[in-house]
Amino acid sequence: MDWTSILAIYVLFWVISAFIVLPIGIRSHAETGADMVKGQADGAPVNFKPGRVLMFTTLLATLAFLLFYFNYTNQWITVEDIDFFDSIERLEK
């Protein structure tokens, strides 16, 4: 696998991980009882910490990518393993 493919796949894992990590631990003003600023949206988070989100996103993306890469190199799970409907045989006919 080329390094550009590795980078592109890692970026995809990172973006997906960001969407998974973003809502974790976020509280709104209604949940915490904090005062709202004039013009602020009702669902705006009170305790957003971008450093924490970046750290957990990178950690999750790295772990998921390593699992993907090791599976790619060692062939632990292949297409044949998850082909429950014999699609490969039907395509070959």
PDB file of N, CA and C in Angstrom:
ATOM      1  N   MET A   1       0.850  -1.167   0.000  1.00  0.00           N
ATOM      2  CA  MET A   1       0.000   0.000   0.000  1.00  0.00           C
ATOM      3  C   MET A   1       0.900   1.236   0.000  1.00  0.00           C
ATOM      4  N   ASP A   2       0.585   2.173  -0.868  1.00  0.00           N
ATOM      5  CA  ASP A   2       1.363   3.413  -0.947  1.00  0.00           C
ATOM      6  C   ASP A   2       1.098   4.291   0.275  1.00  0.00           C
ATOM      7  N   TRP A   3       2.038   5.187   0.553  1.00  0.00           N
ATOM      8  CA  TRP A   3       1.893   6.054   1.706  1.00  0.00           C
ATOM      9  C   TRP A   3       0.737   7.031   1.512  1.00  0.00           C
ATOM     10  N   THR A   4       0.440   7.404   0.252  1.00  0.00           N
ATOM     11  CA  THR A   4      -0.682   8.309   0.004  1.00  0.00           C
ATOM     12  C   THR A   4      -2.019   7.611   0.311  1.00  0.00           C
ATOM     13  N   SER A   5      -2.099   6.328   0.007  1.00  0.00           N
ATOM     14  CA  SER A   5      -3.309   5.570   0.349  1.00  0.00           C
ATOM     15  C   SER A   5      -3.452   5.449   1.854  1.00  0.00           C
ATOM     16  N   ILE A   6      -2.350   5.192   2.529  1.00  0.00           N
ATOM     17  CA  ILE A   6      -2.368   5.102   3.990  1.00  0.00           C
ATOM     18  C   ILE A   6      -2.847   6.416   4.592  1.00  0.00           C
ATOM     19  N   LEU A   7      -2.327   7.528   4.092  1.00  0.00           N
ATOM     20  CA  LEU A   7      -2.717   8.842   4.602  1.00  0.00           C
ATOM     21  C   LEU A   7      -4.195   9.119   4.336  1.00  0.00           C
ATOM     22  N   ALA A   8      -4.669   8.820   3.137  1.00  0.00           N
ATOM     23  CA  ALA A   8      -6.069   9.070   2.794  1.00  0.00           C
ATOM     24  C   ALA A   8      -7.005   8.234   3.660  1.00  0.00           C
ATOM     25  N   ILE A   9      -6.674   6.980   3.867  1.00  0.00           N
ATOM     26  CA  ILE A   9      -7.519   6.111   4.688  1.00  0.00           C
ATOM     27  C   ILE A   9      -7.488   6.570   6.146  1.00  0.00           C
ATOM     28  N   TYR A  10      -6.321   6.984   6.636  1.00  0.00           N
ATOM     29  CA  TYR A  10      -6.238   7.484   8.007  1.00  0.00           C
ATOM     30  C   TYR A  10      -7.089   8.743   8.182  1.00  0.00           C
ATOM     31  N   VAL A  11      -7.062   9.629   7.202  1.00  0.00           N
ATOM     32  CA  VAL A  11      -7.877  10.850   7.287  1.00  0.00           C
ATOM     33  C   VAL A  11      -9.363  10.494   7.330  1.00  0.00           C
ATOM     34  N   LEU A  12      -9.780   9.516   6.544  1.00  0.00           N
ATOM     35  CA  LEU A  12     -11.172   9.069   6.599  1.00  0.00           C
ATOM     36  C   LEU A  12     -11.523   8.528   7.984  1.00  0.00           C
ATOM     37  N   PHE A  13     -10.639   7.717   8.550  1.00  0.00           N
ATOM     38  CA  PHE A  13     -10.872   7.212   9.906  1.00  0.00           C
ATOM     39  C   PHE A  13     -10.928   8.359  10.910  1.00  0.00           C
ATOM     40  N   TRP A  14     -10.103   9.388  10.716  1.00  0.00           N
ATOM     41  CA  TRP A  14     -10.062  10.515  11.646  1.00  0.00           C
ATOM     42  C   TRP A  14     -11.367  11.308  11.593  1.00  0.00           C
ATOM     43  N   VAL A  15     -11.869  11.545  10.399  1.00  0.00           N
ATOM     44  CA  VAL A  15     -13.114  12.311  10.267  1.00  0.00           C
ATOM     45  C   VAL A  15     -14.289  11.539  10.859  1.00  0.00           C
ATOM     46  N   ILE A  16     -14.362  10.254  10.584  1.00  0.00           N
ATOM     47  CA  ILE A  16     -15.435   9.437  11.158  1.00  0.00           C
ATOM     48  C   ILE A  16     -15.321   9.420  12.681  1.00  0.00           C
ATOM     49  N   SER A  17     -14.110   9.313  13.190  1.00  0.00           N
ATOM     50  CA  SER A  17     -13.899   9.319  14.639  1.00  0.00           C
ATOM     51  C   SER A  17     -14.302  10.651  15.253  1.00  0.00           C
ATOM     52  N   ALA A  18     -14.062  11.753  14.537  1.00  0.00           N
ATOM     53  CA  ALA A  18     -14.447  13.070  15.049  1.00  0.00           C
ATOM     54  C   ALA A  18     -15.955  13.158  15.230  1.00  0.00           C
ATOM     55  N   PHE A  19     -16.711  12.634  14.272  1.00  0.00           N
ATOM     56  CA  PHE A  19     -18.165  12.656  14.413  1.00  0.00           C
ATOM     57  C   PHE A  19     -18.649  11.748  15.534  1.00  0.00           C
ATOM     58  N   ILE A  20     -17.894  10.722  15.845  1.00  0.00           N
ATOM     59  CA  ILE A  20     -18.251   9.846  16.961  1.00  0.00           C
ATOM     60  C   ILE A  20     -17.935  10.518  18.293  1.00  0.00           C
ATOM     61  N   VAL A  21     -16.793  11.202  18.380  1.00  0.00           N
ATOM     62  CA  VAL A  21     -16.316  11.774  19.644  1.00  0.00           C
ATOM     63  C   VAL A  21     -16.988  13.109  19.972  1.00  0.00           C
ATOM     64  N   LEU A  22     -17.362  13.897  18.969  1.00  0.00           N
ATOM     65  CA  LEU A  22     -17.879  15.247  19.216  1.00  0.00           C
ATOM     66  C   LEU A  22     -19.026  15.321  20.226  1.00  0.00           C
ATOM     67  N   PRO A  23     -20.045  14.499  20.142  1.00  0.00           N
ATOM     68  CA  PRO A  23     -21.154  14.678  21.093  1.00  0.00           C
ATOM     69  C   PRO A  23     -20.917  14.103  22.490  1.00  0.00           C
ATOM     70  N   ILE A  24     -19.831  13.426  22.716  1.00  0.00           N
ATOM     71  CA  ILE A  24     -19.603  12.787  24.013  1.00  0.00           C
ATOM     72  C   ILE A  24     -19.245  13.828  25.071  1.00  0.00           C
ATOM     73  N   GLY A  25     -20.012  13.849  26.140  1.00  0.00           N
ATOM     74  CA  GLY A  25     -19.719  14.726  27.275  1.00  0.00           C
ATOM     75  C   GLY A  25     -20.170  16.160  27.120  1.00  0.00           C
ATOM     76  N   ILE A  26     -20.841  16.512  26.058  1.00  0.00           N
ATOM     77  CA  ILE A  26     -21.277  17.890  25.842  1.00  0.00           C
ATOM     78  C   ILE A  26     -22.579  18.131  26.607  1.00  0.00           C
ATOM     79  N   ARG A  27     -22.661  19.248  27.308  1.00  0.00           N
ATOM     80  CA  ARG A  27     -23.854  19.625  28.059  1.00  0.00           C
ATOM     81  C   ARG A  27     -24.324  21.002  27.595  1.00  0.00           C
ATOM     82  N   SER A  28     -25.633  21.180  27.539  1.00  0.00           N
ATOM     83  CA  SER A  28     -26.194  22.474  27.145  1.00  0.00           C
ATOM     84  C   SER A  28     -26.439  23.331  28.387  1.00  0.00           C
ATOM     85  N   HIS A  29     -26.867  24.569  28.159  1.00  0.00           N
ATOM     86  CA  HIS A  29     -27.142  25.469  29.281  1.00  0.00           C
ATOM     87  C   HIS A  29     -28.313  24.962  30.126  1.00  0.00           C
ATOM     88  N   ALA A  30     -29.292  24.362  29.477  1.00  0.00           N
ATOM     89  CA  ALA A  30     -30.453  23.855  30.222  1.00  0.00           C
ATOM     90  C   ALA A  30     -30.043  22.718  31.148  1.00  0.00           C
ATOM     91  N   GLU A  31     -29.101  21.909  30.728  1.00  0.00           N
ATOM     92  CA  GLU A  31     -28.660  20.776  31.553  1.00  0.00           C
ATOM     93  C   GLU A  31     -27.796  21.205  32.731  1.00  0.00           C
ATOM     94  N   THR A  32     -27.004  22.254  32.537  1.00  0.00           N
ATOM     95  CA  THR A  32     -26.093  22.682  33.602  1.00  0.00           C
ATOM     96  C   THR A  32     -26.643  23.822  34.447  1.00  0.00           C
ATOM     97  N   GLY A  33     -27.673  24.505  33.956  1.00  0.00           N
ATOM     98  CA  GLY A  33     -28.226  25.635  34.690  1.00  0.00           C
ATOM     99  C   GLY A  33     -27.419  26.912  34.534  1.00  0.00           C
ATOM    100  N   ALA A  34     -26.530  26.979  33.565  1.00  0.00           N
ATOM    101  CA  ALA A  34     -25.705  28.170  33.339  1.00  0.00           C
ATOM    102  C   ALA A  34     -26.520  29.254  32.637  1.00  0.00           C
ATOM    103  N   ASP A  35     -26.102  30.496  32.820  1.00  0.00           N
ATOM    104  CA  ASP A  35     -26.773  31.620  32.162  1.00  0.00           C
ATOM    105  C   ASP A  35     -26.360  31.683  30.693  1.00  0.00           C
ATOM    106  N   MET A  36     -27.341  32.039  29.852  1.00  0.00           N
ATOM    107  CA  MET A  36     -27.067  32.153  28.424  1.00  0.00           C
ATOM    108  C   MET A  36     -26.702  33.593  28.076  1.00  0.00           C
ATOM    109  N   VAL A  37     -25.878  33.743  27.056  1.00  0.00           N
ATOM    110  CA  VAL A  37     -25.510  35.053  26.541  1.00  0.00           C
ATOM    111  C   VAL A  37     -26.554  35.453  25.511  1.00  0.00           C
ATOM    112  N   LYS A  38     -26.863  36.734  25.386  1.00  0.00           N
ATOM    113  CA  LYS A  38     -27.868  37.200  24.436  1.00  0.00           C
ATOM    114  C   LYS A  38     -27.450  36.811  23.013  1.00  0.00           C
ATOM    115  N   GLY A  39     -28.378  36.191  22.282  1.00  0.00           N
ATOM    116  CA  GLY A  39     -28.118  35.771  20.917  1.00  0.00           C
ATOM    117  C   GLY A  39     -27.549  34.366  20.789  1.00  0.00           C
ATOM    118  N   GLN A  40     -27.352  33.720  21.898  1.00  0.00           N
ATOM    119  CA  GLN A  40     -26.772  32.371  21.888  1.00  0.00           C
ATOM    120  C   GLN A  40     -27.846  31.331  21.608  1.00  0.00           C
ATOM    121  N   ALA A  41     -27.496  30.313  20.842  1.00  0.00           N
ATOM    122  CA  ALA A  41     -28.441  29.245  20.517  1.00  0.00           C
ATOM    123  C   ALA A  41     -28.749  28.413  21.756  1.00  0.00           C
ATOM    124  N   ASP A  42     -29.973  27.873  21.792  1.00  0.00           N
ATOM    125  CA  ASP A  42     -30.392  27.088  22.957  1.00  0.00           C
ATOM    126  C   ASP A  42     -29.539  25.839  23.148  1.00  0.00           C
ATOM    127  N   GLY A  43     -29.111  25.223  22.070  1.00  0.00           N
ATOM    128  CA  GLY A  43     -28.346  23.982  22.174  1.00  0.00           C
ATOM    129  C   GLY A  43     -26.842  24.176  22.189  1.00  0.00           C
ATOM    130  N   ALA A  44     -26.368  25.397  22.315  1.00  0.00           N
ATOM    131  CA  ALA A  44     -24.928  25.653  22.319  1.00  0.00           C
ATOM    132  C   ALA A  44     -24.275  25.000  23.534  1.00  0.00           C
ATOM    133  N   PRO A  45     -23.161  24.316  23.339  1.00  0.00           N
ATOM    134  CA  PRO A  45     -22.525  23.622  24.465  1.00  0.00           C
ATOM    135  C   PRO A  45     -21.881  24.590  25.454  1.00  0.00           C
ATOM    136  N   VAL A  46     -21.923  24.194  26.718  1.00  0.00           N
ATOM    137  CA  VAL A  46     -21.310  24.997  27.775  1.00  0.00           C
ATOM    138  C   VAL A  46     -19.853  24.608  27.965  1.00  0.00           C
ATOM    139  N   ASN A  47     -19.553  23.338  27.851  1.00  0.00           N
ATOM    140  CA  ASN A  47     -18.237  22.826  28.240  1.00  0.00           C
ATOM    141  C   ASN A  47     -17.457  22.233  27.070  1.00  0.00           C
ATOM    142  N   PHE A  48     -17.504  22.851  25.891  1.00  0.00           N
ATOM    143  CA  PHE A  48     -16.783  22.322  24.735  1.00  0.00           C
ATOM    144  C   PHE A  48     -15.281  22.513  24.938  1.00  0.00           C
ATOM    145  N   LYS A  49     -14.523  21.418  24.797  1.00  0.00           N
ATOM    146  CA  LYS A  49     -13.066  21.449  24.959  1.00  0.00           C
ATOM    147  C   LYS A  49     -12.434  20.871  23.700  1.00  0.00           C
ATOM    148  N   PRO A  50     -12.008  21.728  22.770  1.00  0.00           N
ATOM    149  CA  PRO A  50     -11.492  21.231  21.493  1.00  0.00           C
ATOM    150  C   PRO A  50     -10.223  20.395  21.634  1.00  0.00           C
ATOM    151  N   GLY A  51      -9.402  20.672  22.604  1.00  0.00           N
ATOM    152  CA  GLY A  51      -8.183  19.878  22.801  1.00  0.00           C
ATOM    153  C   GLY A  51      -8.500  18.444  23.169  1.00  0.00           C
ATOM    154  N   ARG A  52      -9.500  18.269  24.028  1.00  0.00           N
ATOM    155  CA  ARG A  52      -9.934  16.935  24.427  1.00  0.00           C
ATOM    156  C   ARG A  52     -10.526  16.183  23.242  1.00  0.00           C
ATOM    157  N   VAL A  53     -11.314  16.891  22.439  1.00  0.00           N
ATOM    158  CA  VAL A  53     -11.927  16.268  21.262  1.00  0.00           C
ATOM    159  C   VAL A  53     -10.845  15.834  20.278  1.00  0.00           C
ATOM    160  N   LEU A  54      -9.868  16.680  20.031  1.00  0.00           N
ATOM    161  CA  LEU A  54      -8.775  16.330  19.107  1.00  0.00           C
ATOM    162  C   LEU A  54      -7.973  15.137  19.617  1.00  0.00           C
ATOM    163  N   MET A  55      -7.715  15.110  20.910  1.00  0.00           N
ATOM    164  CA  MET A  55      -6.933  14.021  21.485  1.00  0.00           C
ATOM    165  C   MET A  55      -7.674  12.684  21.365  1.00  0.00           C
ATOM    166  N   PHE A  56      -8.940  12.661  21.780  1.00  0.00           N
ATOM    167  CA  PHE A  56      -9.708  11.419  21.718  1.00  0.00           C
ATOM    168  C   PHE A  56      -9.994  10.996  20.281  1.00  0.00           C
ATOM    169  N   THR A  57     -10.200  11.972  19.399  1.00  0.00           N
ATOM    170  CA  THR A  57     -10.417  11.657  17.988  1.00  0.00           C
ATOM    171  C   THR A  57      -9.183  11.007  17.397  1.00  0.00           C
ATOM    172  N   THR A  58      -8.029  11.572  17.665  1.00  0.00           N
ATOM    173  CA  THR A  58      -6.782  11.020  17.144  1.00  0.00           C
ATOM    174  C   THR A  58      -6.517   9.632  17.712  1.00  0.00           C
ATOM    175  N   LEU A  59      -6.783   9.451  18.983  1.00  0.00           N
ATOM    176  CA  LEU A  59      -6.590   8.141  19.612  1.00  0.00           C
ATOM    177  C   LEU A  59      -7.510   7.088  18.992  1.00  0.00           C
ATOM    178  N   LEU A  60      -8.784   7.409  18.867  1.00  0.00           N
ATOM    179  CA  LEU A  60      -9.744   6.468  18.281  1.00  0.00           C
ATOM    180  C   LEU A  60      -9.416   6.175  16.818  1.00  0.00           C
ATOM    181  N   ALA A  61      -9.064   7.206  16.048  1.00  0.00           N
ATOM    182  CA  ALA A  61      -8.735   7.012  14.640  1.00  0.00           C
ATOM    183  C   ALA A  61      -7.481   6.158  14.484  1.00  0.00           C
ATOM    184  N   THR A  62      -6.493   6.375  15.330  1.00  0.00           N
ATOM    185  CA  THR A  62      -5.259   5.600  15.247  1.00  0.00           C
ATOM    186  C   THR A  62      -5.509   4.129  15.573  1.00  0.00           C
ATOM    187  N   LEU A  63      -6.278   3.868  16.616  1.00  0.00           N
ATOM    188  CA  LEU A  63      -6.589   2.477  16.969  1.00  0.00           C
ATOM    189  C   LEU A  63      -7.387   1.789  15.863  1.00  0.00           C
ATOM    190  N   ALA A  64      -8.382   2.476  15.331  1.00  0.00           N
ATOM    191  CA  ALA A  64      -9.199   1.888  14.259  1.00  0.00           C
ATOM    192  C   ALA A  64      -8.361   1.666  13.003  1.00  0.00           C
ATOM    193  N   PHE A  65      -7.494   2.617  12.676  1.00  0.00           N
ATOM    194  CA  PHE A  65      -6.657   2.462  11.488  1.00  0.00           C
ATOM    195  C   PHE A  65      -5.665   1.314  11.669  1.00  0.00           C
ATOM    196  N   LEU A  66      -5.094   1.187  12.858  1.00  0.00           N
ATOM    197  CA  LEU A  66      -4.164   0.080  13.086  1.00  0.00           C
ATOM    198  C   LEU A  66      -4.852  -1.272  12.939  1.00  0.00           C
ATOM    199  N   LEU A  67      -6.073  -1.385  13.452  1.00  0.00           N
ATOM    200  CA  LEU A  67      -6.836  -2.618  13.251  1.00  0.00           C
ATOM    201  C   LEU A  67      -7.082  -2.870  11.764  1.00  0.00           C
ATOM    202  N   PHE A  68      -7.448  -1.823  11.035  1.00  0.00           N
ATOM    203  CA  PHE A  68      -7.672  -1.953   9.595  1.00  0.00           C
ATOM    204  C   PHE A  68      -6.391  -2.369   8.885  1.00  0.00           C
ATOM    205  N   TYR A  69      -5.288  -1.712   9.205  1.00  0.00           N
ATOM    206  CA  TYR A  69      -4.035  -1.985   8.514  1.00  0.00           C
ATOM    207  C   TYR A  69      -3.521  -3.400   8.807  1.00  0.00           C
ATOM    208  N   PHE A  70      -3.597  -3.822  10.058  1.00  0.00           N
ATOM    209  CA  PHE A  70      -3.156  -5.177  10.394  1.00  0.00           C
ATOM    210  C   PHE A  70      -4.052  -6.230   9.748  1.00  0.00           C
ATOM    211  N   ASN A  71      -5.344  -5.935   9.658  1.00  0.00           N
ATOM    212  CA  ASN A  71      -6.232  -6.852   8.945  1.00  0.00           C
ATOM    213  C   ASN A  71      -5.882  -6.881   7.457  1.00  0.00           C
ATOM    214  N   TYR A  72      -5.537  -5.737   6.899  1.00  0.00           N
ATOM    215  CA  TYR A  72      -5.161  -5.656   5.483  1.00  0.00           C
ATOM    216  C   TYR A  72      -3.890  -6.463   5.211  1.00  0.00           C
ATOM    217  N   THR A  73      -2.924  -6.369   6.096  1.00  0.00           N
ATOM    218  CA  THR A  73      -1.654  -7.071   5.863  1.00  0.00           C
ATOM    219  C   THR A  73      -1.731  -8.554   6.211  1.00  0.00           C
ATOM    220  N   ASN A  74      -2.485  -8.926   7.240  1.00  0.00           N
ATOM    221  CA  ASN A  74      -2.538 -10.316   7.697  1.00  0.00           C
ATOM    222  C   ASN A  74      -3.744 -11.096   7.172  1.00  0.00           C
ATOM    223  N   GLN A  75      -4.697 -10.403   6.562  1.00  0.00           N
ATOM    224  CA  GLN A  75      -5.902 -11.040   5.999  1.00  0.00           C
ATOM    225  C   GLN A  75      -6.665 -11.857   7.036  1.00  0.00           C
ATOM    226  N   TRP A  76      -6.904 -11.267   8.208  1.00  0.00           N
ATOM    227  CA  TRP A  76      -7.673 -11.940   9.237  1.00  0.00           C
ATOM    228  C   TRP A  76      -9.117 -12.133   8.798  1.00  0.00           C
ATOM    229  N   ILE A  77      -9.723 -11.056   8.274  1.00  0.00           N
ATOM    230  CA  ILE A  77     -11.094 -11.111   7.770  1.00  0.00           C
ATOM    231  C   ILE A  77     -11.049 -10.699   6.305  1.00  0.00           C
ATOM    232  N   THR A  78     -11.524 -11.571   5.439  1.00  0.00           N
ATOM    233  CA  THR A  78     -11.511 -11.298   4.003  1.00  0.00           C
ATOM    234  C   THR A  78     -12.941 -11.156   3.497  1.00  0.00           C
ATOM    235  N   VAL A  79     -13.071 -10.810   2.223  1.00  0.00           N
ATOM    236  CA  VAL A  79     -14.389 -10.682   1.608  1.00  0.00           C
ATOM    237  C   VAL A  79     -15.120 -12.019   1.643  1.00  0.00           C
ATOM    238  N   GLU A  80     -14.389 -13.091   1.451  1.00  0.00           N
ATOM    239  CA  GLU A  80     -15.007 -14.417   1.481  1.00  0.00           C
ATOM    240  C   GLU A  80     -15.587 -14.739   2.858  1.00  0.00           C
ATOM    241  N   ASP A  81     -14.993 -14.212   3.913  1.00  0.00           N
ATOM    242  CA  ASP A  81     -15.484 -14.468   5.265  1.00  0.00           C
ATOM    243  C   ASP A  81     -16.825 -13.795   5.543  1.00  0.00           C
ATOM    244  N   ILE A  82     -17.072 -12.663   4.911  1.00  0.00           N
ATOM    245  CA  ILE A  82     -18.308 -11.921   5.190  1.00  0.00           C
ATOM    246  C   ILE A  82     -19.310 -12.007   4.037  1.00  0.00           C
ATOM    247  N   ASP A  83     -19.062 -12.846   3.055  1.00  0.00           N
ATOM    248  CA  ASP A  83     -19.973 -13.033   1.924  1.00  0.00           C
ATOM    249  C   ASP A  83     -21.037 -14.062   2.310  1.00  0.00           C
ATOM    250  N   PHE A  84     -22.100 -13.604   2.962  1.00  0.00           N
ATOM    251  CA  PHE A  84     -23.122 -14.501   3.477  1.00  0.00           C
ATOM    252  C   PHE A  84     -24.099 -14.984   2.401  1.00  0.00           C
ATOM    253  N   PHE A  85     -24.179 -14.282   1.288  1.00  0.00           N
ATOM    254  CA  PHE A  85     -25.165 -14.606   0.261  1.00  0.00           C
ATOM    255  C   PHE A  85     -24.529 -15.152  -1.012  1.00  0.00           C
ATOM    256  N   ASP A  86     -23.287 -15.594  -0.947  1.00  0.00           N
ATOM    257  CA  ASP A  86     -22.556 -16.142  -2.096  1.00  0.00           C
ATOM    258  C   ASP A  86     -22.553 -15.192  -3.291  1.00  0.00           C
ATOM    259  N   SER A  87     -22.358 -13.928  -3.036  1.00  0.00           N
ATOM    260  CA  SER A  87     -22.346 -12.930  -4.101  1.00  0.00           C
ATOM    261  C   SER A  87     -21.174 -13.115  -5.042  1.00  0.00           C
ATOM    262  N   ILE A  88     -20.037 -13.533  -4.534  1.00  0.00           N
ATOM    263  CA  ILE A  88     -18.850 -13.699  -5.366  1.00  0.00           C
ATOM    264  C   ILE A  88     -19.082 -14.798  -6.398  1.00  0.00           C
ATOM    265  N   GLU A  89     -19.684 -15.899  -5.983  1.00  0.00           N
ATOM    266  CA  GLU A  89     -19.960 -16.991  -6.920  1.00  0.00           C
ATOM    267  C   GLU A  89     -20.956 -16.554  -7.982  1.00  0.00           C
ATOM    268  N   ARG A  90     -21.967 -15.778  -7.599  1.00  0.00           N
ATOM    269  CA  ARG A  90     -22.946 -15.317  -8.570  1.00  0.00           C
ATOM    270  C   ARG A  90     -22.340 -14.329  -9.552  1.00  0.00           C
ATOM    271  N   LEU A  91     -21.380 -13.523  -9.118  1.00  0.00           N
ATOM    272  CA  LEU A  91     -20.732 -12.568 -10.013  1.00  0.00           C
ATOM    273  C   LEU A  91     -19.805 -13.267 -11.005  1.00  0.00           C
ATOM    274  N   GLU A  92     -19.224 -14.392 -10.614  1.00  0.00           N
ATOM    275  CA  GLU A  92     -18.301 -15.106 -11.475  1.00  0.00           C
ATOM    276  C   GLU A  92     -19.023 -15.857 -12.578  1.00  0.00           C
ATOM    277  N   LYS A  93     -20.295 -16.123 -12.449  1.00  0.00           N
ATOM    278  CA  LYS A  93     -21.046 -16.876 -13.460  1.00  0.00           C
ATOM    279  C   LYS A  93     -21.343 -16.038 -14.670  1.00  0.00           C
TER     280      LYS A  93
END
